[in-house]
Amino acid sequence: MSNMIIEDGKFVELTYKVVDKKTSEVLSAVEFPLGYIQGISEILSPEVTAGLVGQVEGDIVELPVDVDQIYGPRDESLVTTMPLDSLDEDLRRVGTMIPMENDKGERINFTVIKVNDDSIMVDGNNPLCGRKVIFVLKVITVRNPTDEEARLGGPVDDTPNFANAQSIH
C-alpha cells in the first residue's frame, strides 16, 4: 500500500456503488477498478471526485450526492407513451435504453419503463433523477501516472484488471 493521497495529477483507481439513501437499494455498481487522473480525466462527476481529495489506498468513502445537481431536476415532460409498433421488438423490454434526439438535435437516452399491449412508456430522465444517493467508493490505487497516462490524460488500457479487482460489497 502506498501512502500517496488523492490530489490533482495523481492516477486513481476505484470501485464504487450508488446506493439509494431512502431504501438502501444498490442502484448501480462498478466492481472492476476504473482509472482516471484526478483533476484531469474525471470519470465521475466533479462533486464526487472532489470528495475523494485527501483519501488514500484502501479508504472506503461514503459521499451523499444530490443527483439533481448533476443531472438537473426530474422533468416529467421527458416521460412519454409511444405506440408499441413504433419500436423494434427487441427494444420492447422494461429497462432497455433507446437513444433518441430532441428538437435541438441533442442525443438523449430514453429508458423503457412500461410495456402494455398496444403502447410503450419511455422516460428520458437519468434513472437517478429525483433520488438522494450515496456513492460508496473504494480507493484501490493512488500513484503518480506513467508518462503515457499523463500524456493521454488517463488510463492507457481501459481493459478491467481482473487480477486486482476487489468486491466492495
Protein backbone atom coordinates (compact mmCIF):
# COMPACT_ATOMS: atom_id res chain seq x y z
CA MET A 1 0.00 0.00 0.00
CA SER A 2 1.29 3.42 -0.85
CA ASN A 3 0.76 6.40 1.37
CA MET A 4 0.02 8.77 -1.51
CA ILE A 5 -3.08 10.86 -1.14
CA ILE A 6 -5.56 11.68 -3.86
CA GLU A 7 -4.79 15.13 -5.23
CA ASP A 8 -4.73 16.73 -8.66
CA GLY A 9 -2.42 14.92 -11.03
CA LYS A 10 -2.48 11.54 -9.22
CA PHE A 11 -3.60 8.38 -11.02
CA VAL A 12 -6.51 6.84 -9.11
CA GLU A 13 -8.28 3.51 -9.48
CA LEU A 14 -11.50 2.87 -7.64
CA THR A 15 -14.64 0.81 -7.49
CA TYR A 16 -17.98 2.19 -6.41
CA LYS A 17 -21.64 1.57 -5.88
CA VAL A 18 -24.54 4.00 -5.84
CA VAL A 19 -26.99 3.40 -3.01
CA ASP A 20 -30.47 4.94 -2.66
CA LYS A 21 -30.34 6.87 0.63
CA LYS A 22 -34.00 6.17 1.44
CA THR A 23 -34.28 2.46 0.54
CA SER A 24 -30.60 1.35 0.81
CA GLU A 25 -31.06 -0.32 -2.60
CA VAL A 26 -27.88 -0.59 -4.69
CA LEU A 27 -28.83 1.26 -7.89
CA SER A 28 -25.61 0.61 -9.76
CA ALA A 29 -22.18 -0.77 -9.04
CA VAL A 30 -18.78 -0.84 -10.70
CA GLU A 31 -16.76 -3.69 -9.24
CA PHE A 32 -13.75 -3.61 -11.56
CA PRO A 33 -11.35 -0.73 -10.97
CA LEU A 34 -11.91 2.40 -13.02
CA GLY A 35 -8.82 4.53 -13.53
CA TYR A 36 -8.51 8.26 -14.05
CA ILE A 37 -6.18 11.16 -13.29
CA GLN A 38 -7.57 13.38 -10.55
CA GLY A 39 -8.35 16.87 -11.84
CA ILE A 40 -7.79 15.91 -15.49
CA SER A 41 -9.85 12.94 -16.67
CA GLU A 42 -12.77 12.82 -14.30
CA ILE A 43 -14.81 9.66 -14.86
CA LEU A 44 -17.33 10.64 -12.21
CA SER A 45 -18.99 13.97 -11.56
CA PRO A 46 -16.78 16.73 -10.15
CA GLU A 47 -18.90 16.64 -6.96
CA VAL A 48 -17.84 13.02 -6.40
CA THR A 49 -14.16 13.31 -7.32
CA ALA A 50 -13.82 16.46 -5.19
CA GLY A 51 -14.91 14.35 -2.23
CA LEU A 52 -12.02 11.96 -2.84
CA VAL A 53 -9.27 14.53 -2.35
CA GLY A 54 -7.11 13.57 0.60
CA GLN A 55 -8.08 9.89 0.57
CA VAL A 56 -5.50 7.07 0.34
CA GLU A 57 -5.41 3.49 -0.96
CA GLY A 58 -7.80 1.22 0.91
CA ASP A 59 -10.10 4.02 2.05
CA ILE A 60 -13.83 3.50 1.65
CA VAL A 61 -15.60 6.81 1.23
CA GLU A 62 -19.34 7.40 1.52
CA LEU A 63 -20.40 10.58 -0.27
CA PRO A 64 -24.02 11.73 -0.21
CA VAL A 65 -24.81 13.28 -3.60
CA ASP A 66 -27.77 15.36 -4.72
CA VAL A 67 -28.21 13.84 -8.16
CA ASP A 68 -30.39 16.77 -9.26
CA GLN A 69 -27.29 18.99 -9.07
CA ILE A 70 -25.56 16.67 -11.55
CA TYR A 71 -28.37 15.80 -13.96
CA GLY A 72 -30.92 18.51 -13.19
CA PRO A 73 -34.32 18.01 -11.61
CA ARG A 74 -36.68 15.34 -12.88
CA ASP A 75 -38.62 16.55 -15.95
CA GLU A 76 -41.98 14.84 -16.37
CA SER A 77 -42.20 16.11 -19.98
CA LEU A 78 -39.49 13.53 -20.76
CA VAL A 79 -41.90 10.71 -19.87
CA THR A 80 -43.95 9.78 -22.90
CA THR A 81 -46.05 6.98 -24.33
CA MET A 82 -45.43 5.63 -27.83
CA PRO A 83 -47.32 3.11 -29.97
CA LEU A 84 -45.98 -0.41 -29.42
CA ASP A 85 -45.31 -0.90 -33.13
CA SER A 86 -43.08 2.22 -33.26
CA LEU A 87 -40.22 0.22 -31.74
CA ASP A 88 -38.46 -2.91 -32.94
CA GLU A 89 -39.49 -5.99 -30.99
CA ASP A 90 -36.05 -6.35 -29.36
CA LEU A 91 -36.46 -2.87 -27.77
CA ARG A 92 -39.83 -3.64 -26.18
CA ARG A 93 -38.48 -4.63 -22.75
CA VAL A 94 -38.53 -2.70 -19.48
CA GLY A 95 -35.05 -1.35 -18.81
CA THR A 96 -34.00 -1.13 -22.47
CA MET A 97 -32.13 2.09 -23.31
CA ILE A 98 -33.20 3.79 -26.55
CA PRO A 99 -31.12 6.70 -27.92
CA MET A 100 -33.27 9.48 -29.40
CA GLU A 101 -32.74 13.09 -30.43
CA ASN A 102 -34.59 16.09 -29.05
CA ASP A 103 -35.70 19.15 -31.06
CA LYS A 104 -32.20 20.64 -30.73
CA GLY A 105 -30.52 17.53 -32.15
CA GLU A 106 -29.11 16.54 -28.74
CA ARG A 107 -28.95 12.83 -28.00
CA ILE A 108 -30.97 11.65 -25.01
CA ASN A 109 -31.19 8.08 -23.81
CA PHE A 110 -34.74 7.04 -23.00
CA THR A 111 -35.44 4.01 -20.81
CA VAL A 112 -38.43 1.77 -21.40
CA ILE A 113 -40.33 1.86 -18.10
CA LYS A 114 -43.62 0.14 -19.03
CA VAL A 115 -44.86 -2.09 -21.83
CA ASN A 116 -48.60 -2.50 -22.47
CA ASP A 117 -50.50 -4.45 -25.14
CA ASP A 118 -50.51 -1.51 -27.55
CA SER A 119 -48.07 1.08 -26.13
CA ILE A 120 -44.69 1.62 -24.51
CA MET A 121 -43.85 4.24 -21.89
CA VAL A 122 -40.34 5.69 -22.01
CA ASP A 123 -38.51 8.07 -19.67
CA GLY A 124 -35.72 10.42 -20.81
CA ASN A 125 -34.68 11.41 -17.29
CA ASN A 126 -31.50 9.97 -15.88
CA PRO A 127 -32.60 6.97 -13.79
CA LEU A 128 -31.07 8.60 -10.70
CA CYS A 129 -33.00 11.89 -11.03
CA GLY A 130 -35.13 12.74 -8.06
CA ARG A 131 -33.26 10.37 -5.74
CA LYS A 132 -30.94 11.09 -2.88
CA VAL A 133 -28.00 8.74 -3.26
CA ILE A 134 -24.76 7.82 -1.55
CA PHE A 135 -21.69 6.97 -3.60
CA VAL A 136 -19.71 4.30 -1.73
CA LEU A 137 -16.24 4.38 -3.25
CA LYS A 138 -13.29 2.11 -2.51
CA VAL A 139 -9.90 3.55 -3.38
CA ILE A 140 -7.81 0.76 -4.94
CA THR A 141 -4.75 2.65 -6.22
CA VAL A 142 -3.22 6.09 -5.78
CA ARG A 143 0.06 6.71 -7.59
CA ASN A 144 1.86 9.02 -9.95
CA PRO A 145 0.71 8.48 -13.53
CA THR A 146 3.08 6.95 -16.06
CA ASP A 147 4.40 9.31 -18.74
CA GLU A 148 1.94 7.82 -21.22
CA GLU A 149 -1.03 8.14 -18.83
CA ALA A 150 -0.08 11.75 -18.16
CA ARG A 151 0.22 12.44 -21.91
CA LEU A 152 -3.17 10.82 -22.65
CA GLY A 153 -4.86 12.31 -19.59
CA GLY A 154 -5.98 8.95 -18.27
CA PRO A 155 -5.55 5.19 -18.32
CA VAL A 156 -3.68 3.73 -21.26
CA ASP A 157 -5.55 0.43 -21.27
CA ASP A 158 -9.12 0.52 -20.01
CA THR A 159 -9.48 -3.26 -20.00
CA PRO A 160 -10.50 -4.29 -16.48
CA ASN A 161 -7.66 -5.78 -14.48
CA PHE A 162 -9.49 -8.79 -13.07
CA ALA A 163 -6.46 -9.92 -11.05
CA ASN A 164 -6.64 -6.76 -8.91
CA ALA A 165 -10.42 -6.46 -8.78
CA GLN A 166 -11.90 -6.49 -5.31
CA SER A 167 -15.56 -6.53 -4.41
CA ILE A 168 -16.89 -3.57 -2.47
CA HIS A 169 -19.88 -5.40 -1.05
